Amino acid sequence: MIFFCGRYGLIIFLILFLSHKSNSSNDSLFPASYPTENDVPPTDDLDYRHHNYKEMRQVINEECPNITRIYNIGKSSQGLKMYAMEISDNPGEHETGEPEFRYTAGLHGNEVMGRELLLLLMQFLCKEYNDDNPRVRRLVESVRIHLVPSLNPDAYELAYEMVYSLFSTHEGYDIFQNFPDLNSILWGAEDRGWVPRIVPNHHIPIPENVAVETKAIISWMERTPFVLGANLQGGEKLVTYPFDMQRPLIQRQNEGALRETADENLFRWLAVTYAHSHLTMTENQRGSCHTDDVTGGQGIINRASWKPVVGSM
């Protein structure tokens, strides 16, 4: 989970983060002489406004038809399609050995920065691919990228048209906390000695009090074997990593283990890579968001140790 406040420069580091992902298994993937500086110069003329998603994705799809595919992952409670753009050298095809990556945004209707960043990222990848940027070409050819700028389109339309600070869905659900609590199920199974087990846990039913949008997101994740993903939100300038909730103290005595996943080192490395590629995320001064730095100048924090939440994505 990545929280943002601040200026457009953050889009640059989406590229850097993806580059680290594709480079992690093969150090020779990028030439040593290729610059590590930002691919987007600070003088780029970015248009600060609410972009029309339909128009922008159509333009990008027309400019880069060979590497883009527009599809929808489902519909909102009011019937709006939840559009995604796939960027790949073989759109629509899952290739063995090529990781599936997703960036999502817009869980809350009034948080528009992530939405705009993903729209600009679509534009950037298309333009740079056509301009033969070697880094972007390697990304497109080695990673299947899925971008969903608006997971809560109903709330965005209301917040934009009515200038109303609406973050929940039209039916009143906060999608951010609306997913099944798989943590407690896992921990309960571990305490009973049921883990590891051969039988997969896909049989766990989805609760009734789940939003239409949440069900669509879950179905999308089940259809696509993502190996990595990040969600962009507004309100803070930091990267959070799992777990998002803490294990009850009675079950474990090691306090650190209450919050850590089995992939703790990997998640921290990914979070640090992102935060330290950012121009200001590791600064102690938090700027316009908050005056306190909860990350100690690192720009990253374990969500469970900061603001625990049950049922997160």
Protein backbone atom coordinates (compact mmCIF):
# COMPACT_ATOMS: atom_id res chain seq x y z
CA MET A 1 0.00 0.00 0.00
CA ILE A 2 1.39 3.40 -0.96
CA PHE A 3 0.00 6.64 0.44
CA PHE A 4 0.65 9.95 -1.27
CA CYS A 5 0.40 13.65 -0.79
CA GLY A 6 2.46 16.07 -2.79
CA ARG A 7 3.36 16.84 -6.39
CA TYR A 8 3.32 14.99 -9.69
CA GLY A 9 6.95 13.88 -9.50
CA LEU A 10 5.80 10.66 -7.88
CA ILE A 11 4.97 9.20 -11.27
CA ILE A 12 8.65 8.96 -12.04
CA PHE A 13 9.14 6.46 -9.28
CA LEU A 14 6.45 4.13 -10.46
CA ILE A 15 8.83 3.39 -13.32
CA LEU A 16 11.78 2.97 -10.99
CA PHE A 17 9.83 0.58 -8.79
CA LEU A 18 8.78 -1.55 -11.74
CA SER A 19 12.35 -1.50 -13.01
CA HIS A 20 13.64 -2.93 -9.75
CA LYS A 21 11.02 -5.66 -9.95
CA SER A 22 12.00 -6.80 -13.42
CA ASN A 23 15.70 -6.44 -12.63
CA SER A 24 15.66 -8.42 -9.39
CA SER A 25 16.08 -11.80 -11.05
CA ASN A 26 18.63 -10.75 -13.67
CA ASP A 27 21.24 -8.09 -12.94
CA SER A 28 22.20 -7.97 -16.61
CA LEU A 29 18.72 -7.00 -17.71
CA PHE A 30 19.66 -3.32 -17.74
CA PRO A 31 22.98 -2.07 -19.09
CA ALA A 32 25.30 -0.79 -16.38
CA SER A 33 25.76 2.39 -18.36
CA TYR A 34 22.03 3.16 -18.49
CA PRO A 35 21.34 6.17 -16.23
CA THR A 36 19.46 5.60 -12.99
CA GLU A 37 18.19 9.16 -12.94
CA ASN A 38 14.55 9.95 -13.52
CA ASP A 39 13.30 9.16 -17.00
CA VAL A 40 10.97 12.16 -16.87
CA PRO A 41 12.81 15.50 -16.73
CA PRO A 42 11.42 17.99 -14.16
CA THR A 43 10.52 20.39 -16.97
CA ASP A 44 7.87 18.06 -18.40
CA ASP A 45 4.64 19.93 -19.01
CA LEU A 46 2.02 18.00 -17.04
CA ASP A 47 -1.58 19.11 -17.19
CA TYR A 48 -2.93 19.62 -13.66
CA ARG A 49 -6.62 18.77 -13.91
CA HIS A 50 -9.08 15.91 -13.57
CA HIS A 51 -8.49 13.96 -16.76
CA ASN A 52 -11.31 12.22 -18.55
CA TYR A 53 -10.41 8.57 -18.12
CA LYS A 54 -12.48 7.40 -21.08
CA GLU A 55 -10.89 9.89 -23.47
CA MET A 56 -7.36 9.33 -22.21
CA ARG A 57 -7.41 5.54 -22.32
CA GLN A 58 -8.91 5.68 -25.80
CA VAL A 59 -6.16 7.99 -27.04
CA ILE A 60 -3.45 5.81 -25.47
CA ASN A 61 -4.99 2.65 -26.90
CA GLU A 62 -5.05 4.24 -30.36
CA GLU A 63 -1.44 5.45 -30.08
CA CYS A 64 -0.13 2.11 -28.78
CA PRO A 65 -2.54 -0.58 -30.01
CA ASN A 66 0.21 -3.19 -30.17
CA ILE A 67 1.03 -3.03 -26.45
CA THR A 68 -2.26 -2.03 -24.79
CA ARG A 69 -5.59 -3.67 -24.07
CA ILE A 70 -8.59 -2.10 -22.37
CA TYR A 71 -10.85 -4.36 -20.35
CA ASN A 72 -13.09 -4.08 -17.32
CA ILE A 73 -12.77 -6.11 -14.13
CA GLY A 74 -16.45 -5.73 -13.26
CA LYS A 75 -19.12 -3.14 -12.56
CA SER A 76 -19.88 -0.85 -9.64
CA SER A 77 -23.16 -0.96 -7.74
CA GLN A 78 -24.46 1.76 -10.08
CA GLY A 79 -23.39 -0.08 -13.20
CA LEU A 80 -20.21 1.85 -14.02
CA LYS A 81 -17.48 -0.30 -15.53
CA MET A 82 -14.25 -0.65 -13.55
CA TYR A 83 -11.80 -0.27 -16.42
CA ALA A 84 -8.26 -1.62 -16.50
CA MET A 85 -5.50 -1.10 -19.01
CA GLU A 86 -3.05 -3.89 -19.70
CA ILE A 87 0.37 -2.95 -21.05
CA SER A 88 2.37 -5.81 -22.51
CA ASP A 89 4.14 -6.88 -25.67
CA ASN A 90 1.44 -9.56 -26.00
CA PRO A 91 -1.77 -7.95 -24.65
CA GLY A 92 -4.40 -10.40 -23.49
CA GLU A 93 -1.99 -13.30 -23.15
CA HIS A 94 -0.50 -14.74 -19.96
CA GLU A 95 3.04 -15.83 -20.79
CA THR A 96 4.91 -18.43 -18.78
CA GLY A 97 7.75 -16.86 -16.82
CA GLU A 98 6.45 -13.31 -17.29
CA PRO A 99 5.21 -11.82 -13.99
CA GLU A 100 1.79 -10.21 -13.69
CA PHE A 101 1.92 -6.83 -11.91
CA ARG A 102 -0.90 -4.52 -10.89
CA TYR A 103 -1.20 -0.91 -9.81
CA THR A 104 -4.60 0.15 -8.49
CA ALA A 105 -6.00 3.43 -7.18
CA GLY A 106 -9.26 5.14 -6.32
CA LEU A 107 -10.50 2.95 -3.48
CA HIS A 108 -11.84 6.19 -2.00
CA GLY A 109 -13.72 8.53 -4.31
CA ASN A 110 -12.14 11.69 -2.92
CA GLU A 111 -8.55 10.48 -3.31
CA VAL A 112 -7.69 11.43 -6.87
CA MET A 113 -3.89 11.63 -6.89
CA GLY A 114 -3.42 7.91 -7.40
CA ARG A 115 -5.98 7.99 -10.21
CA GLU A 116 -4.15 10.78 -12.00
CA LEU A 117 -0.77 9.12 -11.49
CA LEU A 118 -1.92 5.92 -13.15
CA LEU A 119 -3.45 7.81 -16.06
CA LEU A 120 -0.15 9.63 -16.53
CA LEU A 121 1.76 6.36 -16.17
CA MET A 122 -0.28 4.88 -19.02
CA GLN A 123 0.60 7.88 -21.14
CA PHE A 124 4.27 7.74 -20.15
CA LEU A 125 4.71 4.03 -20.91
CA CYS A 126 3.05 4.42 -24.30
CA LYS A 127 5.09 7.46 -25.31
CA GLU A 128 8.42 6.12 -24.08
CA TYR A 129 7.84 2.73 -25.70
CA ASN A 130 7.21 4.41 -29.04
CA ASP A 131 10.32 6.55 -28.50
CA ASP A 132 12.41 3.38 -27.96
CA ASN A 133 13.27 4.10 -24.32
CA PRO A 134 15.29 0.94 -23.50
CA ARG A 135 14.13 0.73 -19.89
CA VAL A 136 10.45 1.02 -20.77
CA ARG A 137 10.81 -1.44 -23.64
CA ARG A 138 12.36 -4.00 -21.30
CA LEU A 139 9.54 -3.47 -18.82
CA VAL A 140 6.82 -3.92 -21.41
CA GLU A 141 8.53 -6.98 -22.86
CA SER A 142 9.27 -8.68 -19.52
CA VAL A 143 6.33 -7.72 -17.27
CA ARG A 144 2.58 -7.85 -17.90
CA ILE A 145 1.36 -4.59 -16.32
CA HIS A 146 -2.25 -3.96 -15.27
CA LEU A 147 -3.38 -0.45 -14.28
CA VAL A 148 -6.77 0.29 -12.68
CA PRO A 149 -7.10 4.03 -11.90
CA SER A 150 -10.56 3.87 -10.29
CA LEU A 151 -11.73 0.97 -8.13
CA ASN A 152 -14.62 3.07 -6.82
CA PRO A 153 -16.00 4.93 -9.86
CA ASP A 154 -19.38 5.77 -8.29
CA ALA A 155 -17.79 7.66 -5.40
CA TYR A 156 -15.35 9.45 -7.69
CA GLU A 157 -18.16 10.75 -9.90
CA LEU A 158 -20.05 12.03 -6.85
CA ALA A 159 -16.97 13.60 -5.28
CA TYR A 160 -15.98 15.27 -8.55
CA GLU A 161 -19.38 16.51 -9.69
CA MET A 162 -20.77 17.51 -6.29
CA VAL A 163 -17.48 18.59 -4.68
CA TYR A 164 -18.38 16.20 -1.90
CA SER A 165 -15.80 14.40 0.22
CA LEU A 166 -17.10 10.91 -0.40
CA PHE A 167 -14.79 7.96 0.12
CA SER A 168 -17.25 5.08 0.50
CA THR A 169 -19.16 3.34 -2.29
CA HIS A 170 -22.66 4.39 -3.32
CA GLU A 171 -23.98 1.71 -0.94
CA GLY A 172 -21.86 3.02 1.95
CA TYR A 173 -19.02 0.46 1.99
CA ASP A 174 -15.42 1.45 2.63
CA ILE A 175 -13.68 -0.83 0.13
CA PHE A 176 -10.36 -0.35 1.90
CA GLN A 177 -11.69 -2.35 4.86
CA ASN A 178 -14.19 -4.55 3.03
CA PHE A 179 -12.17 -7.64 2.13
CA PRO A 180 -12.40 -10.97 3.99
CA ASP A 181 -10.18 -11.20 7.08
CA LEU A 182 -7.83 -13.93 5.84
CA ASN A 183 -5.24 -13.07 8.51
CA SER A 184 -7.36 -14.41 11.36
CA ILE A 185 -8.22 -17.52 9.35
CA LEU A 186 -4.53 -18.19 8.70
CA TRP A 187 -3.50 -17.61 12.31
CA GLY A 188 -6.31 -19.80 13.60
CA ALA A 189 -5.23 -22.60 11.25
CA GLU A 190 -1.62 -22.26 12.41
CA ASP A 191 -2.65 -22.50 16.05
CA ARG A 192 -4.51 -25.72 15.26
CA GLY A 193 -1.57 -27.20 13.38
CA TRP A 194 -3.38 -27.11 10.03
CA VAL A 195 -0.64 -25.18 8.25
CA PRO A 196 0.95 -26.02 5.90
CA ARG A 197 -1.63 -28.12 4.14
CA ILE A 198 -1.96 -29.42 0.61
CA VAL A 199 -5.58 -28.38 0.06
CA PRO A 200 -5.83 -24.71 -1.07
CA ASN A 201 -7.99 -22.30 0.90
CA HIS A 202 -10.03 -21.02 -2.05
CA HIS A 203 -13.12 -22.54 -0.45
CA ILE A 204 -13.36 -19.71 2.09
CA PRO A 205 -16.72 -18.04 1.36
CA ILE A 206 -17.00 -14.31 0.72
CA PRO A 207 -19.10 -12.64 3.46
CA GLU A 208 -22.51 -11.26 2.56
CA ASN A 209 -21.65 -7.73 3.68
CA VAL A 210 -19.19 -7.19 0.84
CA ALA A 211 -19.53 -4.44 -1.75
CA VAL A 212 -20.16 -5.20 -5.40
CA GLU A 213 -16.87 -3.50 -6.18
CA THR A 214 -15.00 -5.65 -3.65
CA LYS A 215 -16.39 -8.84 -5.20
CA ALA A 216 -15.28 -7.64 -8.63
CA ILE A 217 -11.76 -6.97 -7.36
CA ILE A 218 -11.54 -10.40 -5.71
CA SER A 219 -12.74 -12.15 -8.87
CA TRP A 220 -10.17 -10.22 -10.91
CA MET A 221 -7.38 -11.29 -8.56
CA GLU A 222 -8.50 -14.91 -8.76
CA ARG A 223 -8.49 -14.81 -12.57
CA THR A 224 -5.05 -13.22 -12.85
CA PRO A 225 -2.00 -14.75 -11.11
CA PHE A 226 -0.47 -11.51 -9.86
CA VAL A 227 2.93 -11.85 -8.22
CA LEU A 228 3.09 -8.25 -7.00
CA GLY A 229 0.83 -5.25 -6.67
CA ALA A 230 0.51 -1.87 -5.02
CA ASN A 231 -2.45 0.38 -4.26
CA LEU A 232 -2.12 4.16 -4.33
CA GLN A 233 -3.98 6.24 -1.74
CA GLY A 234 -3.96 9.84 -0.57
CA GLY A 235 -3.35 11.37 2.85
CA GLU A 236 0.23 10.41 3.65
CA LYS A 237 3.59 10.31 1.90
CA LEU A 238 4.91 6.88 2.76
CA VAL A 239 4.88 3.21 1.81
CA THR A 240 3.17 0.66 4.06
CA TYR A 241 3.72 -3.07 3.87
CA PRO A 242 1.96 -6.11 5.42
CA PHE A 243 0.68 -7.30 7.72
CA ASP A 244 -2.00 -4.62 8.00
CA MET A 245 -3.31 -6.00 11.30
CA GLN A 246 -1.55 -7.43 14.33
CA ARG A 247 -1.86 -10.97 15.56
CA PRO A 248 -3.45 -11.22 19.03
CA LEU A 249 -0.75 -11.16 21.70
CA ILE A 250 -2.04 -14.30 23.38
CA GLN A 251 -1.03 -16.32 20.31
CA ARG A 252 2.59 -15.19 20.08
CA GLN A 253 5.05 -13.79 22.59
CA ASN A 254 7.48 -12.22 20.10
CA GLU A 255 5.97 -8.80 19.48
CA GLY A 256 7.74 -8.37 16.12
CA ALA A 257 6.33 -11.66 14.87
CA LEU A 258 2.83 -10.35 15.56
CA ARG A 259 3.10 -8.04 12.56
CA GLU A 260 5.52 -9.76 10.18
CA THR A 261 4.74 -11.93 7.19
CA ALA A 262 6.96 -14.78 6.05
CA ASP A 263 8.16 -12.41 3.31
CA GLU A 264 9.08 -9.58 5.70
CA ASN A 265 12.52 -8.99 4.18
CA LEU A 266 11.18 -8.89 0.64
CA PHE A 267 8.37 -6.47 1.51
CA ARG A 268 10.77 -4.18 3.36
CA TRP A 269 13.21 -4.23 0.43
CA LEU A 270 10.48 -3.33 -2.04
CA ALA A 271 9.17 -0.56 0.23
CA VAL A 272 12.66 0.88 0.82
CA THR A 273 13.44 0.74 -2.90
CA TYR A 274 10.32 2.75 -3.67
CA ALA A 275 10.70 5.27 -0.85
CA HIS A 276 14.38 5.98 -1.50
CA SER A 277 13.76 6.43 -5.22
CA HIS A 278 11.35 9.23 -4.34
CA LEU A 279 12.59 12.81 -4.13
CA THR A 280 11.08 13.66 -0.73
CA MET A 281 9.54 10.53 0.80
CA THR A 282 12.51 9.98 3.13
CA GLU A 283 12.68 13.57 4.34
CA ASN A 284 11.85 14.13 8.01
CA GLN A 285 9.74 17.16 7.13
CA ARG A 286 6.38 15.75 6.04
CA GLY A 287 5.32 18.82 4.09
CA SER A 288 1.61 19.46 3.61
CA CYS A 289 0.38 16.13 5.00
CA HIS A 290 1.41 15.97 8.65
CA THR A 291 4.22 17.39 10.74
CA ASP A 292 5.12 14.11 12.46
CA ASP A 293 7.25 11.55 10.65
CA VAL A 294 6.07 8.12 11.76
CA THR A 295 8.69 6.41 9.57
CA GLY A 296 11.82 7.81 11.21
CA GLY A 297 13.04 9.26 7.93
CA GLN A 298 12.79 5.92 6.13
CA GLY A 299 9.54 6.60 4.27
CA ILE A 300 8.21 3.11 5.05
CA ILE A 301 6.27 1.54 7.89
CA ASN A 302 4.59 -1.73 8.78
CA ARG A 303 0.87 -0.98 8.61
CA ALA A 304 0.04 -3.11 11.65
CA SER A 305 2.45 -1.12 13.82
CA TRP A 306 1.07 2.21 12.59
CA LYS A 307 -2.68 2.15 11.89
CA PRO A 308 -3.93 -1.46 12.00
CA VAL A 309 -6.87 -2.23 9.75
CA VAL A 310 -8.92 -5.41 9.35
CA GLY A 311 -10.11 -6.51 5.92
CA SER A 312 -7.68 -4.54 3.77
CA MET A 313 -6.86 -5.44 0.18
